[in-house]
Amino acid sequence: MNVNDSAEGDHAQYWFNTYTHEVEQGAQSDYRQLLGPYATRGEAENALQHAKERNEAWDAEDASWRGDA
């Protein structure tokens, strides 16, 4: 399967490339370099911020579970 093939047909998907820091419409690069898919270009543009917020929340949950909080 080509990385440009979409299982969802004509529905646009956006990806954030962690190497170039560019948004791609359709997965154009190696999946190991991509975050996504996202439904909109705006969501993909905020991928790193979203990942940071999610990681911080998970870290807080882990600390609470361990009794560190």
N, C-alpha and C. Protein backbone atom coordinates (compact mmCIF):
# COMPACT_ATOMS: atom_id res chain seq x y z
N MET A 1 0.84 -1.19 0.00
CA MET A 1 0.00 0.00 0.00
C MET A 1 0.88 1.24 0.00
N ASN A 2 0.62 2.14 -0.86
CA ASN A 2 1.35 3.39 -0.96
C ASN A 2 0.96 4.31 0.20
N VAL A 3 1.93 5.07 0.74
CA VAL A 3 1.62 5.96 1.86
C VAL A 3 0.61 7.03 1.47
N ASN A 4 0.42 7.28 0.19
CA ASN A 4 -0.56 8.26 -0.24
C ASN A 4 -1.97 7.69 -0.33
N ASP A 5 -2.11 6.36 -0.28
CA ASP A 5 -3.42 5.74 -0.34
C ASP A 5 -4.15 6.00 0.97
N SER A 6 -5.42 6.33 0.86
CA SER A 6 -6.23 6.59 2.04
C SER A 6 -7.31 5.54 2.15
N ALA A 7 -7.44 4.96 3.32
CA ALA A 7 -8.49 3.97 3.55
C ALA A 7 -9.86 4.64 3.55
N GLU A 8 -9.90 5.95 3.66
CA GLU A 8 -11.16 6.66 3.72
C GLU A 8 -11.52 7.31 2.40
N GLY A 9 -10.88 6.94 1.33
CA GLY A 9 -11.23 7.45 0.01
C GLY A 9 -10.89 8.91 -0.16
N ASP A 10 -11.91 9.72 -0.48
CA ASP A 10 -11.69 11.12 -0.82
C ASP A 10 -11.62 12.04 0.38
N HIS A 11 -11.82 11.56 1.59
CA HIS A 11 -11.77 12.40 2.78
C HIS A 11 -10.34 12.86 3.02
N ALA A 12 -10.15 14.17 3.06
CA ALA A 12 -8.81 14.72 3.28
C ALA A 12 -8.35 14.42 4.70
N GLN A 13 -7.11 14.02 4.80
CA GLN A 13 -6.48 13.82 6.09
C GLN A 13 -5.20 14.63 6.10
N TYR A 14 -4.90 15.20 7.25
CA TYR A 14 -3.73 16.04 7.38
C TYR A 14 -2.79 15.41 8.40
N TRP A 15 -1.51 15.54 8.14
CA TRP A 15 -0.46 14.96 8.97
C TRP A 15 0.57 16.03 9.29
N PHE A 16 1.16 15.96 10.47
CA PHE A 16 2.24 16.86 10.85
C PHE A 16 3.54 16.10 10.74
N ASN A 17 4.46 16.62 9.94
CA ASN A 17 5.76 15.98 9.74
C ASN A 17 6.71 16.50 10.82
N THR A 18 7.19 15.61 11.69
CA THR A 18 8.04 16.00 12.81
C THR A 18 9.46 16.35 12.38
N TYR A 19 9.84 16.02 11.16
CA TYR A 19 11.17 16.37 10.66
C TYR A 19 11.17 17.75 10.01
N THR A 20 10.16 18.02 9.19
CA THR A 20 10.11 19.29 8.46
C THR A 20 9.26 20.35 9.17
N HIS A 21 8.45 19.92 10.12
CA HIS A 21 7.49 20.78 10.82
C HIS A 21 6.48 21.39 9.85
N GLU A 22 6.17 20.65 8.81
CA GLU A 22 5.19 21.07 7.80
C GLU A 22 3.97 20.15 7.90
N VAL A 23 2.82 20.70 7.52
CA VAL A 23 1.59 19.92 7.43
C VAL A 23 1.51 19.33 6.03
N GLU A 24 1.15 18.06 5.96
CA GLU A 24 0.99 17.37 4.68
C GLU A 24 -0.48 17.00 4.52
N GLN A 25 -1.03 17.23 3.34
CA GLN A 25 -2.36 16.74 3.05
C GLN A 25 -2.19 15.37 2.43
N GLY A 26 -2.64 14.37 3.14
CA GLY A 26 -2.35 13.00 2.77
C GLY A 26 -0.96 12.67 3.26
N ALA A 27 -0.76 11.44 3.65
CA ALA A 27 0.54 11.02 4.18
C ALA A 27 1.54 10.93 3.03
N GLN A 28 2.41 11.92 2.91
CA GLN A 28 3.38 11.96 1.83
C GLN A 28 4.74 11.45 2.25
N SER A 29 4.98 11.39 3.55
CA SER A 29 6.28 10.99 4.08
C SER A 29 6.16 9.67 4.81
N ASP A 30 7.29 9.17 5.23
CA ASP A 30 7.35 7.94 6.02
C ASP A 30 6.52 8.14 7.30
N TYR A 31 5.69 7.16 7.62
CA TYR A 31 4.82 7.27 8.78
C TYR A 31 5.59 7.46 10.09
N ARG A 32 6.84 7.05 10.13
CA ARG A 32 7.64 7.24 11.34
C ARG A 32 7.95 8.71 11.59
N GLN A 33 7.73 9.56 10.60
CA GLN A 33 7.98 10.99 10.71
C GLN A 33 6.70 11.79 10.94
N LEU A 34 5.55 11.11 11.02
CA LEU A 34 4.28 11.81 11.01
C LEU A 34 3.48 11.65 12.30
N LEU A 35 2.76 12.71 12.65
CA LEU A 35 1.73 12.66 13.68
C LEU A 35 0.40 12.85 12.97
N GLY A 36 -0.58 12.06 13.34
CA GLY A 36 -1.89 12.19 12.72
C GLY A 36 -2.49 10.83 12.46
N PRO A 37 -3.54 10.80 11.74
CA PRO A 37 -4.09 11.86 10.91
C PRO A 37 -4.98 12.81 11.71
N TYR A 38 -5.15 14.01 11.16
CA TYR A 38 -6.03 15.02 11.71
C TYR A 38 -7.07 15.37 10.65
N ALA A 39 -8.23 15.78 11.11
CA ALA A 39 -9.34 16.10 10.21
C ALA A 39 -9.15 17.43 9.50
N THR A 40 -8.42 18.36 10.14
CA THR A 40 -8.24 19.68 9.54
C THR A 40 -6.77 20.07 9.55
N ARG A 41 -6.44 21.01 8.68
CA ARG A 41 -5.08 21.54 8.64
C ARG A 41 -4.73 22.21 9.97
N GLY A 42 -5.68 22.93 10.55
CA GLY A 42 -5.44 23.61 11.83
C GLY A 42 -5.09 22.64 12.94
N GLU A 43 -5.80 21.52 13.02
CA GLU A 43 -5.47 20.51 14.03
C GLU A 43 -4.06 19.98 13.82
N ALA A 44 -3.70 19.74 12.58
CA ALA A 44 -2.36 19.23 12.28
C ALA A 44 -1.29 20.26 12.63
N GLU A 45 -1.58 21.54 12.38
CA GLU A 45 -0.61 22.59 12.70
C GLU A 45 -0.34 22.67 14.20
N ASN A 46 -1.31 22.27 15.01
CA ASN A 46 -1.17 22.30 16.47
C ASN A 46 -0.79 20.94 17.06
N ALA A 47 -0.30 20.04 16.24
CA ALA A 47 -0.01 18.67 16.68
C ALA A 47 0.99 18.63 17.83
N LEU A 48 2.07 19.39 17.75
CA LEU A 48 3.08 19.34 18.81
C LEU A 48 2.54 19.88 20.12
N GLN A 49 1.76 20.95 20.07
CA GLN A 49 1.16 21.50 21.29
C GLN A 49 0.19 20.50 21.90
N HIS A 50 -0.61 19.88 21.06
CA HIS A 50 -1.57 18.88 21.53
C HIS A 50 -0.84 17.70 22.18
N ALA A 51 0.23 17.23 21.55
CA ALA A 51 1.01 16.12 22.10
C ALA A 51 1.63 16.51 23.44
N LYS A 52 2.13 17.74 23.54
CA LYS A 52 2.72 18.22 24.80
C LYS A 52 1.67 18.24 25.91
N GLU A 53 0.49 18.77 25.62
CA GLU A 53 -0.58 18.83 26.62
C GLU A 53 -1.01 17.43 27.04
N ARG A 54 -1.12 16.53 26.08
CA ARG A 54 -1.52 15.16 26.38
C ARG A 54 -0.47 14.47 27.25
N ASN A 55 0.81 14.67 26.92
CA ASN A 55 1.88 14.06 27.71
C ASN A 55 1.91 14.61 29.13
N GLU A 56 1.68 15.91 29.29
CA GLU A 56 1.65 16.50 30.63
C GLU A 56 0.50 15.92 31.45
N ALA A 57 -0.65 15.74 30.83
CA ALA A 57 -1.80 15.15 31.52
C ALA A 57 -1.50 13.71 31.93
N TRP A 58 -0.89 12.95 31.04
CA TRP A 58 -0.55 11.57 31.37
C TRP A 58 0.50 11.51 32.48
N ASP A 59 1.48 12.42 32.45
CA ASP A 59 2.48 12.46 33.51
C ASP A 59 1.83 12.75 34.86
N ALA A 60 0.86 13.67 34.88
CA ALA A 60 0.16 13.99 36.12
C ALA A 60 -0.64 12.79 36.61
N GLU A 61 -1.29 12.09 35.69
CA GLU A 61 -2.04 10.89 36.07
C GLU A 61 -1.12 9.82 36.63
N ASP A 62 0.04 9.63 36.00
CA ASP A 62 1.01 8.65 36.49
C ASP A 62 1.49 9.02 37.89
N ALA A 63 1.79 10.29 38.11
CA ALA A 63 2.26 10.73 39.42
C ALA A 63 1.19 10.50 40.47
N SER A 64 -0.05 10.78 40.13
CA SER A 64 -1.16 10.57 41.06
C SER A 64 -1.32 9.08 41.37
N TRP A 65 -1.20 8.26 40.36
CA TRP A 65 -1.35 6.81 40.54
C TRP A 65 -0.24 6.27 41.44
N ARG A 66 0.99 6.81 41.27
CA ARG A 66 2.12 6.37 42.09
C ARG A 66 2.07 6.97 43.49
N GLY A 67 1.24 7.98 43.71
CA GLY A 67 1.18 8.66 44.98
C GLY A 67 2.17 9.79 45.11
N ASP A 68 2.74 10.23 43.99
CA ASP A 68 3.71 11.32 44.00
C ASP A 68 3.05 12.68 44.08
N ALA A 69 1.77 12.75 43.75
CA ALA A 69 1.09 14.07 43.68
C ALA A 69 0.41 14.40 44.97
